[in-house]
Amino acid sequence: MNSKELYSEILFSNRRCASIGLKNSINFPLVTLNKEDLKVKMDKNIELINVFRNCIGNIINAAKEKYMFLLIDQGGCLLTLVCNNNVYNSYIDKFGFRIGTYFTENSLGTNAISMAINVKRCVFLTPQDHYCDILKKWYCIASPLIIDEKTIGYFDVSTIEHDMAEEMVALTELLVYQIENEYKKIIRNKDRTNIIKFSKEQLKILKLIAKGYKDSAIK
């Protein structure tokens, strides 16, 4: 997607936000899961969360001083994040962002994650591209996480009051690739363990059935 196409998508998103009466002056995200629903969602995505944490754990601490790394589920819900404590206290916690917060248009207006959900590809948004004032200092890259042509979630790298360095764009692509491949390994291993194992007697019966023998003959 070129810059002109992205700009058009941003305008469409802004119009949708305005049409539902979303004010750009909101002080906190409007949609956040309750504890019970959040627990269900976390349990469902625990393997993806662990993969994300392991992959981000390999990032040098210098990157965590300046950048936030977010994992979002298919529906736009924040599953986990990694960032410096100062960033967390100054921006994340202060403005009501929580695990379970939704980054959808109806919750936070136009943002990189909502755009990635809409256009189904990696997007980069600058502060002026965001609809709500609480994101007006954010530079963000968001990309779908795709396994076998199915979107399993979204990966976001954000920085506040600092422009996004070119090397971080490349690092984002590498992290998306790593998360997808590590999660794919888990899925494949799980599929192997779920394969039904037949006894010798059961295999013998299956072979007879395949040759056309009736139940009475097999018995």
N, C-alpha and C. Protein backbone atom coordinates (compact mmCIF):
# COMPACT_ATOMS: atom_id res chain seq x y z
N MET A 1 0.84 -1.19 0.00
CA MET A 1 0.00 0.00 0.00
C MET A 1 0.88 1.24 0.00
N ASN A 2 0.68 2.13 -1.00
CA ASN A 2 1.48 3.35 -1.06
C ASN A 2 0.90 4.41 -0.11
N SER A 3 1.65 5.52 0.01
CA SER A 3 1.25 6.56 0.98
C SER A 3 -0.09 7.19 0.63
N LYS A 4 -0.39 7.31 -0.65
CA LYS A 4 -1.66 7.90 -1.06
C LYS A 4 -2.83 7.01 -0.67
N GLU A 5 -2.67 5.69 -0.88
CA GLU A 5 -3.73 4.75 -0.52
C GLU A 5 -3.93 4.72 1.00
N LEU A 6 -2.82 4.75 1.74
CA LEU A 6 -2.91 4.74 3.19
C LEU A 6 -3.61 6.00 3.69
N TYR A 7 -3.28 7.13 3.11
CA TYR A 7 -3.91 8.40 3.50
C TYR A 7 -5.42 8.32 3.28
N SER A 8 -5.83 7.73 2.17
CA SER A 8 -7.26 7.57 1.89
C SER A 8 -7.93 6.69 2.94
N GLU A 9 -7.25 5.61 3.32
CA GLU A 9 -7.80 4.71 4.34
C GLU A 9 -7.91 5.42 5.68
N ILE A 10 -6.94 6.26 5.98
CA ILE A 10 -6.99 7.02 7.24
C ILE A 10 -8.19 7.97 7.24
N LEU A 11 -8.43 8.62 6.12
CA LEU A 11 -9.59 9.52 6.01
C LEU A 11 -10.90 8.76 6.19
N PHE A 12 -11.00 7.58 5.55
CA PHE A 12 -12.20 6.75 5.70
C PHE A 12 -12.40 6.36 7.16
N SER A 13 -11.29 6.00 7.81
CA SER A 13 -11.36 5.61 9.22
C SER A 13 -11.81 6.78 10.09
N ASN A 14 -11.26 7.97 9.83
CA ASN A 14 -11.66 9.15 10.60
C ASN A 14 -13.15 9.44 10.45
N ARG A 15 -13.65 9.25 9.24
CA ARG A 15 -15.08 9.50 8.99
C ARG A 15 -15.94 8.50 9.74
N ARG A 16 -15.48 7.24 9.78
CA ARG A 16 -16.24 6.23 10.54
C ARG A 16 -16.27 6.57 12.01
N CYS A 17 -15.14 7.04 12.53
CA CYS A 17 -15.08 7.42 13.95
C CYS A 17 -16.03 8.58 14.25
N ALA A 18 -16.03 9.56 13.35
CA ALA A 18 -16.92 10.71 13.54
C ALA A 18 -18.38 10.30 13.43
N SER A 19 -18.66 9.34 12.53
CA SER A 19 -20.05 8.93 12.31
C SER A 19 -20.65 8.22 13.51
N ILE A 20 -19.81 7.58 14.33
CA ILE A 20 -20.33 6.90 15.52
C ILE A 20 -20.30 7.82 16.75
N GLY A 21 -19.90 9.08 16.53
CA GLY A 21 -19.91 10.05 17.62
C GLY A 21 -18.70 9.98 18.54
N LEU A 22 -17.62 9.35 18.07
CA LEU A 22 -16.42 9.23 18.91
C LEU A 22 -15.71 10.58 18.99
N LYS A 23 -15.48 11.04 20.20
CA LYS A 23 -14.80 12.33 20.39
C LYS A 23 -13.29 12.11 20.42
N ASN A 24 -12.56 12.97 19.71
CA ASN A 24 -11.10 12.82 19.72
C ASN A 24 -10.47 13.29 21.01
N SER A 25 -11.29 13.84 21.90
CA SER A 25 -10.79 14.34 23.19
C SER A 25 -10.92 13.33 24.33
N ILE A 26 -11.26 12.06 24.00
CA ILE A 26 -11.41 11.06 25.07
C ILE A 26 -10.10 10.92 25.84
N ASN A 27 -10.21 10.66 27.13
CA ASN A 27 -9.03 10.59 28.00
C ASN A 27 -8.55 9.18 28.27
N PHE A 28 -9.30 8.18 27.78
CA PHE A 28 -8.95 6.79 28.03
C PHE A 28 -9.64 5.91 26.98
N PRO A 29 -9.14 4.69 26.77
CA PRO A 29 -9.80 3.79 25.82
C PRO A 29 -11.22 3.49 26.28
N LEU A 30 -12.13 3.36 25.33
CA LEU A 30 -13.54 3.18 25.67
C LEU A 30 -13.95 1.73 25.86
N VAL A 31 -13.16 0.81 25.36
CA VAL A 31 -13.53 -0.61 25.44
C VAL A 31 -12.39 -1.41 26.09
N THR A 32 -12.68 -2.02 27.22
CA THR A 32 -11.72 -2.87 27.92
C THR A 32 -12.47 -4.07 28.52
N LEU A 33 -11.90 -5.25 28.40
CA LEU A 33 -12.56 -6.45 28.90
C LEU A 33 -12.62 -6.47 30.43
N ASN A 34 -13.67 -7.11 30.96
CA ASN A 34 -13.71 -7.35 32.40
C ASN A 34 -12.79 -8.53 32.74
N LYS A 35 -12.56 -8.75 34.02
CA LYS A 35 -11.58 -9.76 34.45
C LYS A 35 -11.95 -11.16 33.99
N GLU A 36 -13.22 -11.49 34.06
CA GLU A 36 -13.64 -12.85 33.69
C GLU A 36 -13.41 -13.12 32.22
N ASP A 37 -13.84 -12.21 31.36
CA ASP A 37 -13.66 -12.38 29.92
C ASP A 37 -12.19 -12.31 29.52
N LEU A 38 -11.43 -11.48 30.23
CA LEU A 38 -10.01 -11.36 29.94
C LEU A 38 -9.29 -12.67 30.25
N LYS A 39 -9.65 -13.31 31.36
CA LYS A 39 -9.01 -14.58 31.71
C LYS A 39 -9.25 -15.63 30.62
N VAL A 40 -10.48 -15.69 30.12
CA VAL A 40 -10.80 -16.64 29.04
C VAL A 40 -9.94 -16.35 27.82
N LYS A 41 -9.82 -15.08 27.47
CA LYS A 41 -9.04 -14.69 26.29
C LYS A 41 -7.56 -14.99 26.48
N MET A 42 -7.05 -14.73 27.67
CA MET A 42 -5.63 -14.99 27.94
C MET A 42 -5.32 -16.48 27.89
N ASP A 43 -6.21 -17.28 28.47
CA ASP A 43 -6.02 -18.73 28.43
C ASP A 43 -6.04 -19.26 26.99
N LYS A 44 -6.92 -18.69 26.19
CA LYS A 44 -7.03 -19.12 24.80
C LYS A 44 -5.78 -18.80 24.00
N ASN A 45 -5.10 -17.70 24.36
CA ASN A 45 -3.95 -17.22 23.58
C ASN A 45 -2.62 -17.39 24.31
N ILE A 46 -2.59 -18.23 25.35
CA ILE A 46 -1.40 -18.33 26.18
C ILE A 46 -0.16 -18.75 25.39
N GLU A 47 -0.31 -19.65 24.42
CA GLU A 47 0.85 -20.09 23.64
C GLU A 47 1.41 -18.96 22.79
N LEU A 48 0.53 -18.18 22.18
CA LEU A 48 0.98 -17.04 21.38
C LEU A 48 1.63 -15.99 22.27
N ILE A 49 1.07 -15.77 23.44
CA ILE A 49 1.65 -14.81 24.39
C ILE A 49 3.06 -15.23 24.79
N ASN A 50 3.25 -16.51 25.09
CA ASN A 50 4.57 -17.01 25.48
C ASN A 50 5.58 -16.87 24.35
N VAL A 51 5.15 -17.15 23.11
CA VAL A 51 6.03 -16.99 21.95
C VAL A 51 6.45 -15.54 21.81
N PHE A 52 5.48 -14.63 21.94
CA PHE A 52 5.76 -13.20 21.85
C PHE A 52 6.79 -12.78 22.91
N ARG A 53 6.56 -13.19 24.14
CA ARG A 53 7.46 -12.80 25.22
C ARG A 53 8.87 -13.34 25.01
N ASN A 54 8.96 -14.57 24.53
CA ASN A 54 10.28 -15.16 24.28
C ASN A 54 11.01 -14.42 23.17
N CYS A 55 10.29 -14.07 22.12
CA CYS A 55 10.91 -13.37 20.99
C CYS A 55 11.34 -11.96 21.40
N ILE A 56 10.49 -11.26 22.13
CA ILE A 56 10.83 -9.90 22.55
C ILE A 56 11.92 -9.93 23.62
N GLY A 57 11.99 -11.02 24.37
CA GLY A 57 13.01 -11.14 25.39
C GLY A 57 14.41 -11.12 24.83
N ASN A 58 14.54 -11.41 23.55
CA ASN A 58 15.85 -11.42 22.91
C ASN A 58 16.28 -10.03 22.43
N ILE A 59 15.35 -9.05 22.51
CA ILE A 59 15.67 -7.70 22.07
C ILE A 59 16.58 -7.02 23.09
N ILE A 60 17.55 -6.29 22.60
CA ILE A 60 18.47 -5.60 23.51
C ILE A 60 17.70 -4.59 24.35
N ASN A 61 18.17 -4.38 25.59
CA ASN A 61 17.46 -3.50 26.52
C ASN A 61 17.36 -2.07 26.01
N ALA A 62 18.32 -1.66 25.20
CA ALA A 62 18.30 -0.29 24.67
C ALA A 62 17.03 -0.03 23.86
N ALA A 63 16.57 -1.05 23.14
CA ALA A 63 15.35 -0.89 22.34
C ALA A 63 14.14 -0.72 23.26
N LYS A 64 14.14 -1.42 24.38
CA LYS A 64 13.01 -1.34 25.31
C LYS A 64 12.95 0.01 26.03
N GLU A 65 14.07 0.73 26.07
CA GLU A 65 14.08 2.05 26.68
C GLU A 65 13.23 3.03 25.89
N LYS A 66 13.16 2.81 24.59
CA LYS A 66 12.52 3.79 23.70
C LYS A 66 11.23 3.30 23.06
N TYR A 67 11.11 1.97 22.93
CA TYR A 67 9.98 1.40 22.18
C TYR A 67 9.08 0.54 23.05
N MET A 68 7.82 0.47 22.64
CA MET A 68 6.85 -0.44 23.26
C MET A 68 6.53 -1.53 22.25
N PHE A 69 6.43 -2.77 22.73
CA PHE A 69 6.10 -3.90 21.87
C PHE A 69 4.78 -4.48 22.36
N LEU A 70 3.78 -4.51 21.48
CA LEU A 70 2.43 -4.92 21.86
C LEU A 70 1.99 -6.14 21.06
N LEU A 71 1.30 -7.05 21.74
CA LEU A 71 0.67 -8.19 21.10
C LEU A 71 -0.84 -8.03 21.21
N ILE A 72 -1.51 -8.09 20.07
CA ILE A 72 -2.96 -7.88 19.99
C ILE A 72 -3.61 -9.13 19.41
N ASP A 73 -4.79 -9.48 19.88
CA ASP A 73 -5.47 -10.64 19.30
C ASP A 73 -6.20 -10.26 18.02
N GLN A 74 -6.88 -11.24 17.39
CA GLN A 74 -7.53 -11.01 16.09
C GLN A 74 -8.57 -9.90 16.15
N GLY A 75 -9.18 -9.72 17.31
CA GLY A 75 -10.26 -8.73 17.44
C GLY A 75 -9.81 -7.36 17.88
N GLY A 76 -8.50 -7.17 18.09
CA GLY A 76 -7.99 -5.87 18.48
C GLY A 76 -7.75 -5.68 19.96
N CYS A 77 -7.77 -6.78 20.74
CA CYS A 77 -7.60 -6.70 22.19
C CYS A 77 -6.13 -6.87 22.58
N LEU A 78 -5.63 -6.01 23.44
CA LEU A 78 -4.25 -6.08 23.91
C LEU A 78 -4.07 -7.29 24.83
N LEU A 79 -3.16 -8.19 24.42
CA LEU A 79 -2.90 -9.41 25.20
C LEU A 79 -1.73 -9.24 26.16
N THR A 80 -0.70 -8.54 25.71
CA THR A 80 0.47 -8.30 26.56
C THR A 80 1.32 -7.23 25.90
N LEU A 81 2.23 -6.64 26.68
CA LEU A 81 3.14 -5.64 26.14
C LEU A 81 4.45 -5.66 26.89
N VAL A 82 5.48 -5.16 26.23
CA VAL A 82 6.81 -5.05 26.83
C VAL A 82 7.31 -3.63 26.59
N CYS A 83 7.70 -2.96 27.69
CA CYS A 83 8.25 -1.61 27.55
C CYS A 83 8.99 -1.24 28.83
N ASN A 84 9.68 -0.13 28.78
CA ASN A 84 10.39 0.40 29.92
C ASN A 84 9.40 0.87 31.00
N ASN A 85 9.76 0.73 32.26
CA ASN A 85 8.86 1.13 33.35
C ASN A 85 8.49 2.61 33.29
N ASN A 86 9.44 3.46 32.90
CA ASN A 86 9.15 4.89 32.82
C ASN A 86 8.09 5.17 31.76
N VAL A 87 8.20 4.49 30.61
CA VAL A 87 7.21 4.65 29.55
C VAL A 87 5.85 4.14 30.02
N TYR A 88 5.87 3.01 30.70
CA TYR A 88 4.61 2.43 31.19
C TYR A 88 3.91 3.37 32.16
N ASN A 89 4.66 3.90 33.11
CA ASN A 89 4.05 4.77 34.13
C ASN A 89 3.61 6.11 33.55
N SER A 90 4.37 6.64 32.59
CA SER A 90 4.10 7.97 32.06
C SER A 90 2.99 7.99 31.02
N TYR A 91 2.84 6.90 30.27
CA TYR A 91 1.89 6.91 29.17
C TYR A 91 0.86 5.78 29.21
N ILE A 92 1.33 4.56 29.43
CA ILE A 92 0.43 3.41 29.36
C ILE A 92 -0.55 3.42 30.52
N ASP A 93 -0.04 3.36 31.73
CA ASP A 93 -0.90 3.32 32.91
C ASP A 93 -1.64 4.63 33.12
N LYS A 94 -0.97 5.74 32.86
CA LYS A 94 -1.55 7.06 33.09
C LYS A 94 -2.82 7.29 32.27
N PHE A 95 -2.85 6.79 31.04
CA PHE A 95 -3.99 7.03 30.16
C PHE A 95 -4.95 5.84 30.07
N GLY A 96 -4.83 4.92 31.01
CA GLY A 96 -5.83 3.87 31.13
C GLY A 96 -5.66 2.69 30.20
N PHE A 97 -4.48 2.52 29.62
CA PHE A 97 -4.24 1.34 28.78
C PHE A 97 -3.97 0.15 29.69
N ARG A 98 -4.65 -0.94 29.42
CA ARG A 98 -4.53 -2.15 30.24
C ARG A 98 -4.48 -3.38 29.34
N ILE A 99 -4.00 -4.49 29.89
CA ILE A 99 -4.19 -5.77 29.21
C ILE A 99 -5.71 -5.97 29.13
N GLY A 100 -6.20 -6.18 27.95
CA GLY A 100 -7.64 -6.27 27.76
C GLY A 100 -8.24 -5.05 27.09
N THR A 101 -7.43 -3.98 26.92
CA THR A 101 -7.88 -2.79 26.20
C THR A 101 -7.98 -3.10 24.71
N TYR A 102 -9.02 -2.57 24.07
CA TYR A 102 -9.20 -2.75 22.63
C TYR A 102 -8.63 -1.54 21.87
N PHE A 103 -7.92 -1.85 20.78
CA PHE A 103 -7.38 -0.82 19.90
C PHE A 103 -8.21 -0.69 18.63
N THR A 104 -9.47 -1.02 18.71
CA THR A 104 -10.39 -0.89 17.60
C THR A 104 -10.84 0.56 17.46
N GLU A 105 -11.44 0.89 16.32
CA GLU A 105 -11.86 2.27 16.07
C GLU A 105 -12.87 2.76 17.11
N ASN A 106 -13.79 1.90 17.53
CA ASN A 106 -14.81 2.34 18.49
C ASN A 106 -14.26 2.55 19.89
N SER A 107 -13.03 2.09 20.12
CA SER A 107 -12.40 2.24 21.43
C SER A 107 -11.37 3.36 21.46
N LEU A 108 -10.57 3.46 20.39
CA LEU A 108 -9.46 4.42 20.37
C LEU A 108 -9.35 5.20 19.06
N GLY A 109 -10.39 5.13 18.24
CA GLY A 109 -10.33 5.86 16.99
C GLY A 109 -9.31 5.26 16.03
N THR A 110 -8.93 6.03 15.03
CA THR A 110 -7.95 5.60 14.04
C THR A 110 -6.59 5.42 14.69
N ASN A 111 -6.02 4.23 14.57
CA ASN A 111 -4.68 3.96 15.08
C ASN A 111 -4.05 2.86 14.22
N ALA A 112 -2.78 2.59 14.42
CA ALA A 112 -2.07 1.65 13.55
C ALA A 112 -2.68 0.26 13.60
N ILE A 113 -3.09 -0.18 14.78
CA ILE A 113 -3.64 -1.53 14.91
C ILE A 113 -5.00 -1.62 14.23
N SER A 114 -5.86 -0.63 14.45
CA SER A 114 -7.17 -0.66 13.78
C SER A 114 -7.00 -0.60 12.26
N MET A 115 -5.99 0.14 11.80
CA MET A 115 -5.73 0.22 10.37
C MET A 115 -5.22 -1.11 9.83
N ALA A 116 -4.34 -1.77 10.58
CA ALA A 116 -3.82 -3.07 10.14
C ALA A 116 -4.95 -4.09 10.07
N ILE A 117 -5.90 -4.01 11.00
CA ILE A 117 -7.07 -4.89 10.96
C ILE A 117 -7.91 -4.62 9.71
N ASN A 118 -8.08 -3.35 9.38
CA ASN A 118 -8.92 -2.97 8.25
C ASN A 118 -8.29 -3.30 6.90
N VAL A 119 -7.00 -2.99 6.74
CA VAL A 119 -6.36 -3.16 5.43
C VAL A 119 -5.63 -4.49 5.31
N LYS A 120 -5.52 -5.22 6.46
CA LYS A 120 -4.93 -6.57 6.46
C LYS A 120 -3.48 -6.59 5.98
N ARG A 121 -2.73 -5.59 6.39
CA ARG A 121 -1.31 -5.55 6.07
C ARG A 121 -0.59 -4.61 7.04
N CYS A 122 0.73 -4.57 6.94
CA CYS A 122 1.53 -3.73 7.84
C CYS A 122 1.31 -2.25 7.51
N VAL A 123 1.14 -1.43 8.55
CA VAL A 123 0.96 0.01 8.36
C VAL A 123 1.82 0.78 9.36
N PHE A 124 2.18 1.99 8.97
CA PHE A 124 2.95 2.88 9.83
C PHE A 124 2.20 4.20 9.96
N LEU A 125 1.89 4.60 11.21
CA LEU A 125 1.18 5.84 11.46
C LEU A 125 2.02 6.78 12.30
N THR A 126 1.99 8.06 11.93
CA THR A 126 2.66 9.11 12.69
C THR A 126 1.66 9.76 13.64
N PRO A 127 2.10 10.60 14.57
CA PRO A 127 1.15 11.19 15.54
C PRO A 127 -0.07 11.86 14.92
N GLN A 128 0.13 12.63 13.85
CA GLN A 128 -1.00 13.35 13.25
C GLN A 128 -2.00 12.45 12.56
N ASP A 129 -1.62 11.19 12.32
CA ASP A 129 -2.53 10.24 11.65
C ASP A 129 -3.58 9.68 12.61
N HIS A 130 -3.32 9.79 13.92
CA HIS A 130 -4.25 9.22 14.89
C HIS A 130 -5.46 10.13 15.10
N TYR A 131 -6.57 9.53 15.40
CA TYR A 131 -7.83 10.27 15.57
C TYR A 131 -7.93 10.90 16.96
N CYS A 132 -7.53 10.15 17.99
CA CYS A 132 -7.71 10.61 19.37
C CYS A 132 -6.47 11.31 19.90
N ASP A 133 -6.69 12.32 20.71
CA ASP A 133 -5.60 13.13 21.23
C ASP A 133 -4.61 12.32 22.07
N ILE A 134 -5.09 11.29 22.76
CA ILE A 134 -4.19 10.53 23.65
C ILE A 134 -3.16 9.73 22.86
N LEU A 135 -3.33 9.64 21.53
CA LEU A 135 -2.34 8.94 20.70
C LEU A 135 -1.56 9.91 19.82
N LYS A 136 -1.74 11.20 20.02
CA LYS A 136 -1.14 12.19 19.14
C LYS A 136 0.37 12.33 19.28
N LYS A 137 0.96 11.61 20.23
CA LYS A 137 2.42 11.62 20.37
C LYS A 137 3.04 10.30 19.91
N TRP A 138 2.21 9.39 19.43
CA TRP A 138 2.65 8.03 19.12
C TRP A 138 3.06 7.85 17.66
N TYR A 139 4.20 7.22 17.45
CA TYR A 139 4.60 6.69 16.14
C TYR A 139 4.44 5.17 16.24
N CYS A 140 3.72 4.57 15.32
CA CYS A 140 3.38 3.15 15.47
C CYS A 140 3.50 2.38 14.16
N ILE A 141 4.02 1.16 14.27
CA ILE A 141 3.98 0.19 13.17
C ILE A 141 3.17 -0.99 13.67
N ALA A 142 2.19 -1.41 12.90
CA ALA A 142 1.38 -2.59 13.26
C ALA A 142 1.32 -3.53 12.07
N SER A 143 1.45 -4.82 12.36
CA SER A 143 1.44 -5.82 11.29
C SER A 143 0.64 -7.04 11.71
N PRO A 144 -0.12 -7.63 10.79
CA PRO A 144 -0.82 -8.88 11.11
C PRO A 144 0.19 -10.01 11.34
N LEU A 145 -0.19 -10.94 12.18
CA LEU A 145 0.56 -12.20 12.35
C LEU A 145 -0.25 -13.27 11.64
N ILE A 146 0.34 -13.88 10.63
CA ILE A 146 -0.43 -14.77 9.77
C ILE A 146 0.20 -16.17 9.74
N ILE A 147 -0.62 -17.18 10.00
CA ILE A 147 -0.20 -18.57 9.94
C ILE A 147 -1.12 -19.29 8.96
N ASP A 148 -0.53 -19.86 7.92
CA ASP A 148 -1.32 -20.60 6.92
C ASP A 148 -2.50 -19.77 6.42
N GLU A 149 -2.21 -18.54 6.06
CA GLU A 149 -3.18 -17.60 5.49
C GLU A 149 -4.29 -17.18 6.48
N LYS A 150 -4.11 -17.49 7.76
CA LYS A 150 -5.08 -17.10 8.78
C LYS A 150 -4.42 -16.12 9.75
N THR A 151 -5.08 -14.98 10.00
CA THR A 151 -4.56 -13.99 10.93
C THR A 151 -4.81 -14.46 12.36
N ILE A 152 -3.74 -14.60 13.13
CA ILE A 152 -3.85 -15.07 14.51
C ILE A 152 -3.73 -13.93 15.51
N GLY A 153 -3.35 -12.75 15.04
CA GLY A 153 -3.19 -11.61 15.92
C GLY A 153 -2.44 -10.49 15.21
N TYR A 154 -1.99 -9.51 16.00
CA TYR A 154 -1.27 -8.37 15.44
C TYR A 154 -0.10 -8.01 16.33
N PHE A 155 0.97 -7.56 15.69
CA PHE A 155 2.18 -7.14 16.41
C PHE A 155 2.37 -5.65 16.17
N ASP A 156 2.62 -4.92 17.24
CA ASP A 156 2.77 -3.46 17.13
C ASP A 156 4.03 -3.01 17.85
N VAL A 157 4.76 -2.11 17.19
CA VAL A 157 5.89 -1.44 17.82
C VAL A 157 5.58 0.05 17.82
N SER A 158 5.64 0.67 18.99
CA SER A 158 5.31 2.09 19.12
C SER A 158 6.39 2.83 19.89
N THR A 159 6.53 4.09 19.58
CA THR A 159 7.42 4.96 20.34
C THR A 159 6.71 6.29 20.53
N ILE A 160 7.01 6.96 21.62
CA ILE A 160 6.32 8.20 21.98
C ILE A 160 7.32 9.36 21.99
N GLU A 161 6.97 10.41 21.25
CA GLU A 161 7.77 11.63 21.16
C GLU A 161 9.13 11.39 20.51
N HIS A 162 9.29 10.26 19.83
CA HIS A 162 10.50 9.98 19.06
C HIS A 162 10.06 9.42 17.71
N ASP A 163 10.65 9.89 16.64
CA ASP A 163 10.32 9.34 15.34
C ASP A 163 10.80 7.89 15.27
N MET A 164 10.15 7.10 14.43
CA MET A 164 10.51 5.69 14.29
C MET A 164 11.78 5.57 13.45
N ALA A 165 12.81 5.00 14.05
CA ALA A 165 14.07 4.81 13.33
C ALA A 165 13.90 3.78 12.22
N GLU A 166 14.62 3.98 11.11
CA GLU A 166 14.49 3.07 9.97
C GLU A 166 14.84 1.64 10.34
N GLU A 167 15.83 1.49 11.21
CA GLU A 167 16.23 0.13 11.59
C GLU A 167 15.12 -0.58 12.37
N MET A 168 14.25 0.20 13.05
CA MET A 168 13.15 -0.43 13.79
C MET A 168 12.10 -0.98 12.84
N VAL A 169 11.93 -0.35 11.69
CA VAL A 169 11.01 -0.87 10.69
C VAL A 169 11.48 -2.25 10.23
N ALA A 170 12.77 -2.37 9.96
CA ALA A 170 13.34 -3.65 9.54
C ALA A 170 13.25 -4.67 10.68
N LEU A 171 13.50 -4.23 11.91
CA LEU A 171 13.43 -5.13 13.06
C LEU A 171 12.01 -5.64 13.27
N THR A 172 11.03 -4.78 13.02
CA THR A 172 9.63 -5.20 13.14
C THR A 172 9.33 -6.36 12.19
N GLU A 173 9.79 -6.25 10.97
CA GLU A 173 9.57 -7.31 9.99
C GLU A 173 10.20 -8.62 10.45
N LEU A 174 11.40 -8.52 11.01
CA LEU A 174 12.09 -9.72 11.50
C LEU A 174 11.35 -10.34 12.69
N LEU A 175 10.85 -9.49 13.59
CA LEU A 175 10.14 -10.00 14.76
C LEU A 175 8.82 -10.66 14.36
N VAL A 176 8.12 -10.07 13.41
CA VAL A 176 6.88 -10.68 12.90
C VAL A 176 7.19 -12.06 12.33
N TYR A 177 8.24 -12.13 11.54
CA TYR A 177 8.64 -13.41 10.93
C TYR A 177 8.99 -14.43 12.02
N GLN A 178 9.72 -13.99 13.04
CA GLN A 178 10.13 -14.91 14.11
C GLN A 178 8.94 -15.39 14.92
N ILE A 179 8.04 -14.50 15.28
CA ILE A 179 6.85 -14.87 16.06
C ILE A 179 6.00 -15.87 15.28
N GLU A 180 5.78 -15.58 14.00
CA GLU A 180 4.97 -16.47 13.17
C GLU A 180 5.58 -17.86 13.09
N ASN A 181 6.89 -17.92 12.90
CA ASN A 181 7.54 -19.23 12.74
C ASN A 181 7.61 -20.00 14.04
N GLU A 182 7.86 -19.31 15.15
CA GLU A 182 7.90 -20.01 16.43
C GLU A 182 6.51 -20.54 16.81
N TYR A 183 5.49 -19.75 16.52
CA TYR A 183 4.13 -20.20 16.83
C TYR A 183 3.73 -21.34 15.90
N LYS A 184 4.17 -21.29 14.66
CA LYS A 184 3.87 -22.35 13.70
C LYS A 184 4.45 -23.68 14.18
N LYS A 185 5.64 -23.64 14.76
CA LYS A 185 6.26 -24.86 15.29
C LYS A 185 5.40 -25.47 16.39
N ILE A 186 4.87 -24.62 17.26
CA ILE A 186 4.02 -25.11 18.35
C ILE A 186 2.76 -25.77 17.80
N ILE A 187 2.14 -25.13 16.81
CA ILE A 187 0.92 -25.67 16.21
C ILE A 187 1.20 -27.02 15.55
N ARG A 188 2.31 -27.11 14.83
CA ARG A 188 2.64 -28.36 14.15
C ARG A 188 2.93 -29.47 15.15
N ASN A 189 3.64 -29.15 16.23
CA ASN A 189 3.92 -30.15 17.26
C ASN A 189 2.63 -30.62 17.93
N LYS A 190 1.70 -29.67 18.13
CA LYS A 190 0.42 -30.02 18.74
C LYS A 190 -0.37 -30.94 17.82
N ASP A 191 -0.33 -30.65 16.53
CA ASP A 191 -1.04 -31.48 15.56
C ASP A 191 -0.50 -32.91 15.55
N ARG A 192 0.83 -33.01 15.72
CA ARG A 192 1.43 -34.36 15.74
C ARG A 192 0.96 -35.15 16.95
N THR A 193 0.88 -34.47 18.09
CA THR A 193 0.47 -35.18 19.32
C THR A 193 -1.01 -35.55 19.29
N ASN A 194 -1.77 -34.83 18.46
CA ASN A 194 -3.20 -35.10 18.38
C ASN A 194 -3.55 -36.18 17.36
N ILE A 195 -2.54 -36.67 16.65
CA ILE A 195 -2.78 -37.73 15.67
C ILE A 195 -3.21 -39.01 16.40
N ILE A 196 -4.28 -39.62 15.95
CA ILE A 196 -4.79 -40.83 16.59
C ILE A 196 -3.84 -41.99 16.35
N LYS A 197 -3.48 -42.68 17.42
CA LYS A 197 -2.60 -43.84 17.30
C LYS A 197 -3.42 -45.12 17.47
N PHE A 198 -3.35 -45.99 16.46
CA PHE A 198 -4.12 -47.23 16.48
C PHE A 198 -3.25 -48.40 16.93
N SER A 199 -3.88 -49.35 17.60
CA SER A 199 -3.19 -50.59 17.98
C SER A 199 -3.05 -51.47 16.74
N LYS A 200 -2.26 -52.53 16.85
CA LYS A 200 -2.08 -53.45 15.72
C LYS A 200 -3.40 -54.08 15.33
N GLU A 201 -4.22 -54.42 16.32
CA GLU A 201 -5.51 -55.04 16.04
C GLU A 201 -6.44 -54.06 15.31
N GLN A 202 -6.42 -52.81 15.75
CA GLN A 202 -7.25 -51.80 15.10
C GLN A 202 -6.80 -51.55 13.67
N LEU A 203 -5.48 -51.53 13.44
CA LEU A 203 -4.96 -51.33 12.09
C LEU A 203 -5.36 -52.49 11.18
N LYS A 204 -5.35 -53.72 11.74
CA LYS A 204 -5.75 -54.90 10.98
C LYS A 204 -7.21 -54.79 10.53
N ILE A 205 -8.08 -54.34 11.46
CA ILE A 205 -9.50 -54.18 11.15
C ILE A 205 -9.71 -53.11 10.08
N LEU A 206 -8.96 -52.00 10.21
CA LEU A 206 -9.08 -50.92 9.23
C LEU A 206 -8.68 -51.39 7.83
N LYS A 207 -7.65 -52.22 7.76
CA LYS A 207 -7.21 -52.74 6.46
C LYS A 207 -8.28 -53.65 5.85
N LEU A 208 -8.92 -54.46 6.69
CA LEU A 208 -9.98 -55.33 6.20
C LEU A 208 -11.18 -54.53 5.70
N ILE A 209 -11.52 -53.46 6.44
CA ILE A 209 -12.62 -52.60 6.02
C ILE A 209 -12.30 -51.96 4.68
N ALA A 210 -11.04 -51.53 4.53
CA ALA A 210 -10.62 -50.89 3.27
C ALA A 210 -10.72 -51.87 2.09
N LYS A 211 -10.57 -53.18 2.36
CA LYS A 211 -10.65 -54.18 1.30
C LYS A 211 -12.09 -54.59 1.01
N GLY A 212 -13.04 -54.05 1.78
CA GLY A 212 -14.44 -54.31 1.48
C GLY A 212 -15.09 -55.38 2.35
N TYR A 213 -14.39 -55.85 3.38
CA TYR A 213 -14.98 -56.86 4.25
C TYR A 213 -16.11 -56.27 5.08
N LYS A 214 -17.16 -57.03 5.31
CA LYS A 214 -18.28 -56.59 6.13
C LYS A 214 -17.98 -56.84 7.61
N ASP A 215 -18.78 -56.19 8.47
CA ASP A 215 -18.58 -56.33 9.92
C ASP A 215 -18.63 -57.78 10.36
N SER A 216 -19.57 -58.56 9.80
CA SER A 216 -19.72 -59.96 10.20
C SER A 216 -18.50 -60.78 9.86
N ALA A 217 -17.88 -60.48 8.73
CA ALA A 217 -16.70 -61.21 8.31
C ALA A 217 -15.50 -60.87 9.15
N ILE A 218 -15.43 -59.59 9.54
CA ILE A 218 -14.29 -59.14 10.35
C ILE A 218 -14.35 -59.78 11.74
N LYS A 219 -15.56 -59.88 12.30
CA LYS A 219 -15.72 -60.48 13.63
C LYS A 219 -15.40 -61.95 13.60
